[in-house]
Amino acid sequence: MIIPFLFAGSWLKIFEKNPTKIKNYGKWLRYQSRTSYQNMYKEYHDTTLNGAVEQK
């Protein structure tokens, strides 16, 4: 889960330079289990970063 940022009491919106081109965005997660470290990666495809964050 990505936590949105608050900036001066309002939501921070990111504007893309080229919002018509599809881009790849990814999230990395690394945690330690009882036996070893685990890595997770989830990739999203969208035209904007805001759209990629809204996906589940």
C-alpha atoms as a PDB file:
ATOM      1  CA  MET A   1       0.000   0.000   0.000  1.00  0.00           C
ATOM      2  CA  ILE A   2       1.333   3.421  -0.909  1.00  0.00           C
ATOM      3  CA  ILE A   3       0.503   6.235   1.486  1.00  0.00           C
ATOM      4  CA  PRO A   4      -0.391   9.513  -0.287  1.00  0.00           C
ATOM      5  CA  PHE A   5       1.446  12.618   0.854  1.00  0.00           C
ATOM      6  CA  LEU A   6      -0.279  15.626   2.365  1.00  0.00           C
ATOM      7  CA  PHE A   7       1.229  18.998   1.538  1.00  0.00           C
ATOM      8  CA  ALA A   8       0.062  21.986   3.598  1.00  0.00           C
ATOM      9  CA  GLY A   9      -3.266  20.311   4.372  1.00  0.00           C
ATOM     10  CA  SER A  10      -4.112  19.350   0.785  1.00  0.00           C
ATOM     11  CA  TRP A  11      -3.253  16.430  -1.510  1.00  0.00           C
ATOM     12  CA  LEU A  12      -0.122  16.693  -3.620  1.00  0.00           C
ATOM     13  CA  LYS A  13      -0.906  15.994  -7.283  1.00  0.00           C
ATOM     14  CA  ILE A  14       1.850  15.051  -9.707  1.00  0.00           C
ATOM     15  CA  PHE A  15       1.589  16.304 -13.305  1.00  0.00           C
ATOM     16  CA  GLU A  16       3.332  14.305 -16.037  1.00  0.00           C
ATOM     17  CA  LYS A  17       5.297  15.849 -18.911  1.00  0.00           C
ATOM     18  CA  ASN A  18       3.882  13.348 -21.412  1.00  0.00           C
ATOM     19  CA  PRO A  19       0.550  11.979 -20.096  1.00  0.00           C
ATOM     20  CA  THR A  20      -0.243  10.083 -23.320  1.00  0.00           C
ATOM     21  CA  LYS A  21       2.697   7.657 -23.120  1.00  0.00           C
ATOM     22  CA  ILE A  22       2.282   4.433 -21.104  1.00  0.00           C
ATOM     23  CA  LYS A  23       5.013   3.987 -18.504  1.00  0.00           C
ATOM     24  CA  ASN A  24       6.032   1.290 -16.033  1.00  0.00           C
ATOM     25  CA  TYR A  25       6.024   2.004 -12.297  1.00  0.00           C
ATOM     26  CA  GLY A  26       7.074  -0.424  -9.582  1.00  0.00           C
ATOM     27  CA  LYS A  27       7.027  -0.889  -5.817  1.00  0.00           C
ATOM     28  CA  TRP A  28       9.716  -2.765  -3.886  1.00  0.00           C
ATOM     29  CA  LEU A  29       9.181  -4.305  -0.461  1.00  0.00           C
ATOM     30  CA  ARG A  30      11.836  -6.063   1.607  1.00  0.00           C
ATOM     31  CA  TYR A  31      11.175  -7.616   4.992  1.00  0.00           C
ATOM     32  CA  GLN A  32      12.801 -10.076   7.366  1.00  0.00           C
ATOM     33  CA  SER A  33      10.960 -13.280   8.187  1.00  0.00           C
ATOM     34  CA  ARG A  34      11.967 -15.717  10.907  1.00  0.00           C
ATOM     35  CA  THR A  35      14.423 -17.489   8.594  1.00  0.00           C
ATOM     36  CA  SER A  36      15.594 -14.969   5.962  1.00  0.00           C
ATOM     37  CA  TYR A  37      14.951 -11.743   4.095  1.00  0.00           C
ATOM     38  CA  GLN A  38      12.087 -11.683   1.579  1.00  0.00           C
ATOM     39  CA  ASN A  39      11.808  -9.400  -1.459  1.00  0.00           C
ATOM     40  CA  MET A  40       8.608  -8.434  -3.271  1.00  0.00           C
ATOM     41  CA  TYR A  41       8.150  -6.386  -6.417  1.00  0.00           C
ATOM     42  CA  LYS A  42       4.890  -5.269  -8.024  1.00  0.00           C
ATOM     43  CA  GLU A  43       4.841  -3.474 -11.364  1.00  0.00           C
ATOM     44  CA  TYR A  44       2.067  -1.231 -12.672  1.00  0.00           C
ATOM     45  CA  HIS A  45       1.495   0.132 -16.182  1.00  0.00           C
ATOM     46  CA  ASP A  46      -0.230   3.480 -16.547  1.00  0.00           C
ATOM     47  CA  THR A  47       0.059   6.841 -18.253  1.00  0.00           C
ATOM     48  CA  THR A  48       0.530   8.750 -14.975  1.00  0.00           C
ATOM     49  CA  LEU A  49       2.074   8.043 -11.593  1.00  0.00           C
ATOM     50  CA  ASN A  50      -1.223   9.014  -9.946  1.00  0.00           C
ATOM     51  CA  GLY A  51      -3.036   6.363 -11.991  1.00  0.00           C
ATOM     52  CA  ALA A  52      -0.470   3.709 -11.092  1.00  0.00           C
ATOM     53  CA  VAL A  53      -0.774   4.491  -7.370  1.00  0.00           C
ATOM     54  CA  GLU A  54      -4.571   4.115  -7.519  1.00  0.00           C
ATOM     55  CA  GLN A  55      -4.298   0.561  -8.894  1.00  0.00           C
ATOM     56  CA  LYS A  56      -4.323  -2.394  -6.501  1.00  0.00           C
END
